[in-house]
Amino acid sequence: MIIERVSVVEGAADRVWARVVTPDGINDEMRPWMTMSIPRGLGPVTIDTVPVGVPLGRAWLRLFGVVPFDYDALTIAELEPGQRFHEKSTMLNMRRWEHERTVTPDGADRTVVHDRVTFELRLSILTPLLAVVVRSFFAHRHRRLARHFASHAGLNGRG
């Protein structure tokens, strides 16, 4: 199953990228529904600083930020700093999870954020239901990201 979401964020691409590759930025997008831990032993990292193509370990997904319900056996397969990352992972309930995000300037202070998620459940009968959940969840993530930059518009003269 492939799901895509594209939106425009009122912020410069370098600032949007700097936000979306950090644990704080990722978790802010996911809240309040869930959060994701950093794999054990990595320390303070961002997507920009992890080794590419190397399994990083398990990033636990926590319902409402508290209850662990799944993990992401995380690997950043490809990285174009400032522009694109492509995660290829497995999860407890998925034999395949891929998340590709691109961040593209749209003028000086606007950015196009494009997410492409590809997944394959271990129990395929649930795919239509999970497709609805993933589509809604990424719409939520885009709204949260846009809201973050809208609330910071004007700081340092930029959004």
C-alpha atoms as a PDB file:
ATOM      1  CA  MET A   1       0.000   0.000   0.000  1.00  0.00           C
ATOM      2  CA  ILE A   2       1.294   3.460  -0.908  1.00  0.00           C
ATOM      3  CA  ILE A   3       0.046   6.666   0.698  1.00  0.00           C
ATOM      4  CA  GLU A   4       1.207  10.167  -0.186  1.00  0.00           C
ATOM      5  CA  ARG A   5       0.661  13.539   1.420  1.00  0.00           C
ATOM      6  CA  VAL A   6       1.850  16.915   0.128  1.00  0.00           C
ATOM      7  CA  SER A   7       1.445  20.274   1.813  1.00  0.00           C
ATOM      8  CA  VAL A   8       2.947  23.743   1.839  1.00  0.00           C
ATOM      9  CA  VAL A   9       4.501  25.022   5.053  1.00  0.00           C
ATOM     10  CA  GLU A  10       4.985  28.744   5.684  1.00  0.00           C
ATOM     11  CA  GLY A  11       8.683  28.550   6.501  1.00  0.00           C
ATOM     12  CA  ALA A  12      12.016  28.509   4.709  1.00  0.00           C
ATOM     13  CA  ALA A  13      13.121  25.046   3.560  1.00  0.00           C
ATOM     14  CA  ASP A  14      16.302  25.060   5.664  1.00  0.00           C
ATOM     15  CA  ARG A  15      14.279  25.765   8.821  1.00  0.00           C
ATOM     16  CA  VAL A  16      11.635  23.159   7.949  1.00  0.00           C
ATOM     17  CA  TRP A  17      14.328  20.552   7.300  1.00  0.00           C
ATOM     18  CA  ALA A  18      16.086  21.395  10.565  1.00  0.00           C
ATOM     19  CA  ARG A  19      12.789  20.730  12.359  1.00  0.00           C
ATOM     20  CA  VAL A  20      11.655  17.518  10.625  1.00  0.00           C
ATOM     21  CA  VAL A  21      14.903  15.594  11.166  1.00  0.00           C
ATOM     22  CA  THR A  22      15.037  16.033  14.958  1.00  0.00           C
ATOM     23  CA  PRO A  23      13.438  13.769  17.569  1.00  0.00           C
ATOM     24  CA  ASP A  24      11.627  16.816  19.022  1.00  0.00           C
ATOM     25  CA  GLY A  25      10.230  17.785  15.627  1.00  0.00           C
ATOM     26  CA  ILE A  26       9.191  14.235  14.758  1.00  0.00           C
ATOM     27  CA  ASN A  27       7.474  13.725  18.110  1.00  0.00           C
ATOM     28  CA  ASP A  28       5.767  17.104  17.929  1.00  0.00           C
ATOM     29  CA  GLU A  29       4.240  16.091  14.592  1.00  0.00           C
ATOM     30  CA  MET A  30       2.987  12.813  16.070  1.00  0.00           C
ATOM     31  CA  ARG A  31       1.520  14.184  19.301  1.00  0.00           C
ATOM     32  CA  PRO A  32      -0.829  13.643  21.016  1.00  0.00           C
ATOM     33  CA  TRP A  33      -1.492  10.254  19.400  1.00  0.00           C
ATOM     34  CA  MET A  34       1.962   8.816  19.762  1.00  0.00           C
ATOM     35  CA  THR A  35       5.668   9.426  20.140  1.00  0.00           C
ATOM     36  CA  MET A  36       8.758   7.532  19.048  1.00  0.00           C
ATOM     37  CA  SER A  37      11.910   6.840  21.052  1.00  0.00           C
ATOM     38  CA  ILE A  38      15.486   6.982  19.828  1.00  0.00           C
ATOM     39  CA  PRO A  39      17.056   3.531  19.397  1.00  0.00           C
ATOM     40  CA  ARG A  40      19.146   2.604  22.428  1.00  0.00           C
ATOM     41  CA  GLY A  41      22.784   3.612  22.347  1.00  0.00           C
ATOM     42  CA  LEU A  42      22.479   6.308  19.675  1.00  0.00           C
ATOM     43  CA  GLY A  43      22.581   9.270  22.033  1.00  0.00           C
ATOM     44  CA  PRO A  44      21.596  12.712  20.750  1.00  0.00           C
ATOM     45  CA  VAL A  45      21.071  12.339  17.006  1.00  0.00           C
ATOM     46  CA  THR A  46      19.086  13.646  14.074  1.00  0.00           C
ATOM     47  CA  ILE A  47      18.315  12.011  10.768  1.00  0.00           C
ATOM     48  CA  ASP A  48      21.187  14.108   9.386  1.00  0.00           C
ATOM     49  CA  THR A  49      23.706  12.565  11.787  1.00  0.00           C
ATOM     50  CA  VAL A  50      22.887   8.832  11.802  1.00  0.00           C
ATOM     51  CA  PRO A  51      24.808   6.404   9.589  1.00  0.00           C
ATOM     52  CA  VAL A  52      23.033   5.792   6.281  1.00  0.00           C
ATOM     53  CA  GLY A  53      22.220   2.228   5.278  1.00  0.00           C
ATOM     54  CA  VAL A  54      22.970   0.820   8.732  1.00  0.00           C
ATOM     55  CA  PRO A  55      20.256  -0.657  10.993  1.00  0.00           C
ATOM     56  CA  LEU A  56      20.006   1.733  13.941  1.00  0.00           C
ATOM     57  CA  GLY A  57      17.995  -0.433  16.329  1.00  0.00           C
ATOM     58  CA  ARG A  58      14.463  -0.338  17.623  1.00  0.00           C
ATOM     59  CA  ALA A  59      12.631   2.945  17.962  1.00  0.00           C
ATOM     60  CA  TRP A  60       9.654   2.236  20.213  1.00  0.00           C
ATOM     61  CA  LEU A  61       6.275   3.729  19.286  1.00  0.00           C
ATOM     62  CA  ARG A  62       4.285   4.810  22.340  1.00  0.00           C
ATOM     63  CA  LEU A  63       0.535   5.355  22.290  1.00  0.00           C
ATOM     64  CA  PHE A  64      -0.242   8.797  23.760  1.00  0.00           C
ATOM     65  CA  GLY A  65       3.491   9.084  24.459  1.00  0.00           C
ATOM     66  CA  VAL A  66       3.301   6.470  27.224  1.00  0.00           C
ATOM     67  CA  VAL A  67       2.223   2.940  26.253  1.00  0.00           C
ATOM     68  CA  PRO A  68       4.639   1.027  23.959  1.00  0.00           C
ATOM     69  CA  PHE A  69       2.611  -0.665  21.217  1.00  0.00           C
ATOM     70  CA  ASP A  70       5.060  -1.349  18.377  1.00  0.00           C
ATOM     71  CA  TYR A  71       8.639  -0.712  17.315  1.00  0.00           C
ATOM     72  CA  ASP A  72      10.321   0.531  14.191  1.00  0.00           C
ATOM     73  CA  ALA A  73      13.515  -1.402  13.361  1.00  0.00           C
ATOM     74  CA  LEU A  74      14.909   1.790  11.931  1.00  0.00           C
ATOM     75  CA  THR A  75      17.242   2.241   8.944  1.00  0.00           C
ATOM     76  CA  ILE A  76      17.791   5.460   7.015  1.00  0.00           C
ATOM     77  CA  ALA A  77      18.463   3.964   3.584  1.00  0.00           C
ATOM     78  CA  GLU A  78      19.085   7.206   1.689  1.00  0.00           C
ATOM     79  CA  LEU A  79      19.779  10.778   2.717  1.00  0.00           C
ATOM     80  CA  GLU A  80      20.147  14.018   0.794  1.00  0.00           C
ATOM     81  CA  PRO A  81      20.793  16.485   3.644  1.00  0.00           C
ATOM     82  CA  GLY A  82      18.473  19.456   3.579  1.00  0.00           C
ATOM     83  CA  GLN A  83      16.226  17.829   0.976  1.00  0.00           C
ATOM     84  CA  ARG A  84      15.262  14.185   1.412  1.00  0.00           C
ATOM     85  CA  PHE A  85      15.417  11.095   3.548  1.00  0.00           C
ATOM     86  CA  HIS A  86      14.184   7.584   2.844  1.00  0.00           C
ATOM     87  CA  GLU A  87      13.611   5.253   5.774  1.00  0.00           C
ATOM     88  CA  LYS A  88      13.298   1.519   5.104  1.00  0.00           C
ATOM     89  CA  SER A  89      12.331  -0.465   8.168  1.00  0.00           C
ATOM     90  CA  THR A  90      10.307  -3.306   9.558  1.00  0.00           C
ATOM     91  CA  MET A  91       7.953  -3.247  12.502  1.00  0.00           C
ATOM     92  CA  LEU A  92       6.396  -5.765  14.803  1.00  0.00           C
ATOM     93  CA  ASN A  93       3.174  -5.674  12.756  1.00  0.00           C
ATOM     94  CA  MET A  94       4.704  -4.792   9.355  1.00  0.00           C
ATOM     95  CA  ARG A  95       7.084  -6.711   7.179  1.00  0.00           C
ATOM     96  CA  ARG A  96       7.784  -3.484   5.271  1.00  0.00           C
ATOM     97  CA  TRP A  97       7.625   0.197   6.234  1.00  0.00           C
ATOM     98  CA  GLU A  98       9.128   2.878   4.048  1.00  0.00           C
ATOM     99  CA  HIS A  99       8.829   6.585   4.675  1.00  0.00           C
ATOM    100  CA  GLU A 100      10.295   9.009   2.175  1.00  0.00           C
ATOM    101  CA  ARG A 101      10.100  12.729   2.918  1.00  0.00           C
ATOM    102  CA  THR A 102      11.213  15.530   0.647  1.00  0.00           C
ATOM    103  CA  VAL A 103      11.484  19.184   1.593  1.00  0.00           C
ATOM    104  CA  THR A 104      11.512  21.539  -1.411  1.00  0.00           C
ATOM    105  CA  PRO A 105      11.737  25.344  -1.367  1.00  0.00           C
ATOM    106  CA  ASP A 106       8.720  27.154  -2.802  1.00  0.00           C
ATOM    107  CA  GLY A 107      10.035  30.692  -2.791  1.00  0.00           C
ATOM    108  CA  ALA A 108      12.061  32.209   0.050  1.00  0.00           C
ATOM    109  CA  ASP A 109       9.678  31.481   2.908  1.00  0.00           C
ATOM    110  CA  ARG A 110       7.517  28.566   1.800  1.00  0.00           C
ATOM    111  CA  THR A 111       8.310  24.880   1.615  1.00  0.00           C
ATOM    112  CA  VAL A 112       6.623  21.896  -0.010  1.00  0.00           C
ATOM    113  CA  VAL A 113       6.705  18.838   2.246  1.00  0.00           C
ATOM    114  CA  HIS A 114       5.995  15.547   0.496  1.00  0.00           C
ATOM    115  CA  ASP A 115       5.642  12.246   2.345  1.00  0.00           C
ATOM    116  CA  ARG A 116       5.398   8.908   0.585  1.00  0.00           C
ATOM    117  CA  VAL A 117       4.688   5.930   2.832  1.00  0.00           C
ATOM    118  CA  THR A 118       4.790   2.359   1.589  1.00  0.00           C
ATOM    119  CA  PHE A 119       3.819  -0.454   3.913  1.00  0.00           C
ATOM    120  CA  GLU A 120       3.020  -4.132   3.950  1.00  0.00           C
ATOM    121  CA  LEU A 121       1.333  -5.603   7.000  1.00  0.00           C
ATOM    122  CA  ARG A 122       2.159  -9.047   8.311  1.00  0.00           C
ATOM    123  CA  LEU A 123      -1.612  -9.619   8.575  1.00  0.00           C
ATOM    124  CA  SER A 124      -2.695  -8.276   5.180  1.00  0.00           C
ATOM    125  CA  ILE A 125      -6.430  -8.488   5.878  1.00  0.00           C
ATOM    126  CA  LEU A 126      -6.027  -5.334   8.016  1.00  0.00           C
ATOM    127  CA  THR A 127      -4.428  -3.289   5.210  1.00  0.00           C
ATOM    128  CA  PRO A 128      -7.569  -1.285   4.260  1.00  0.00           C
ATOM    129  CA  LEU A 129      -8.114  -0.262   7.892  1.00  0.00           C
ATOM    130  CA  LEU A 130      -4.482   0.664   8.460  1.00  0.00           C
ATOM    131  CA  ALA A 131      -4.439   2.627   5.191  1.00  0.00           C
ATOM    132  CA  VAL A 132      -7.170   4.874   6.606  1.00  0.00           C
ATOM    133  CA  VAL A 133      -5.221   5.263   9.865  1.00  0.00           C
ATOM    134  CA  VAL A 134      -1.901   6.042   8.130  1.00  0.00           C
ATOM    135  CA  ARG A 135      -3.545   8.504   5.716  1.00  0.00           C
ATOM    136  CA  SER A 136      -5.236  10.309   8.634  1.00  0.00           C
ATOM    137  CA  PHE A 137      -2.075  10.215  10.747  1.00  0.00           C
ATOM    138  CA  PHE A 138       0.069  11.828   8.046  1.00  0.00           C
ATOM    139  CA  ALA A 139      -2.599  14.487   7.464  1.00  0.00           C
ATOM    140  CA  HIS A 140      -2.365  15.148  11.219  1.00  0.00           C
ATOM    141  CA  ARG A 141       1.447  15.312  11.036  1.00  0.00           C
ATOM    142  CA  HIS A 142       1.305  17.842   8.185  1.00  0.00           C
ATOM    143  CA  ARG A 143      -1.216  19.995  10.065  1.00  0.00           C
ATOM    144  CA  ARG A 144       0.984  19.957  13.179  1.00  0.00           C
ATOM    145  CA  LEU A 145       4.082  20.882  11.161  1.00  0.00           C
ATOM    146  CA  ALA A 146       2.276  23.724   9.378  1.00  0.00           C
ATOM    147  CA  ARG A 147       0.877  24.950  12.711  1.00  0.00           C
ATOM    148  CA  HIS A 148       4.360  24.965  14.261  1.00  0.00           C
ATOM    149  CA  PHE A 149       5.706  27.239  11.528  1.00  0.00           C
ATOM    150  CA  ALA A 150       2.597  29.425  11.464  1.00  0.00           C
ATOM    151  CA  SER A 151       2.978  30.007  15.214  1.00  0.00           C
ATOM    152  CA  HIS A 152       6.651  30.936  14.733  1.00  0.00           C
ATOM    153  CA  ALA A 153       6.084  33.234  11.725  1.00  0.00           C
ATOM    154  CA  GLY A 154       7.900  36.487  12.012  1.00  0.00           C
ATOM    155  CA  LEU A 155      10.652  35.218  14.318  1.00  0.00           C
ATOM    156  CA  ASN A 156      13.957  36.499  12.962  1.00  0.00           C
ATOM    157  CA  GLY A 157      11.963  37.913  10.051  1.00  0.00           C
ATOM    158  CA  ARG A 158      11.208  34.410   8.729  1.00  0.00           C
ATOM    159  CA  GLY A 159       8.531  31.762   9.127  1.00  0.00           C
END
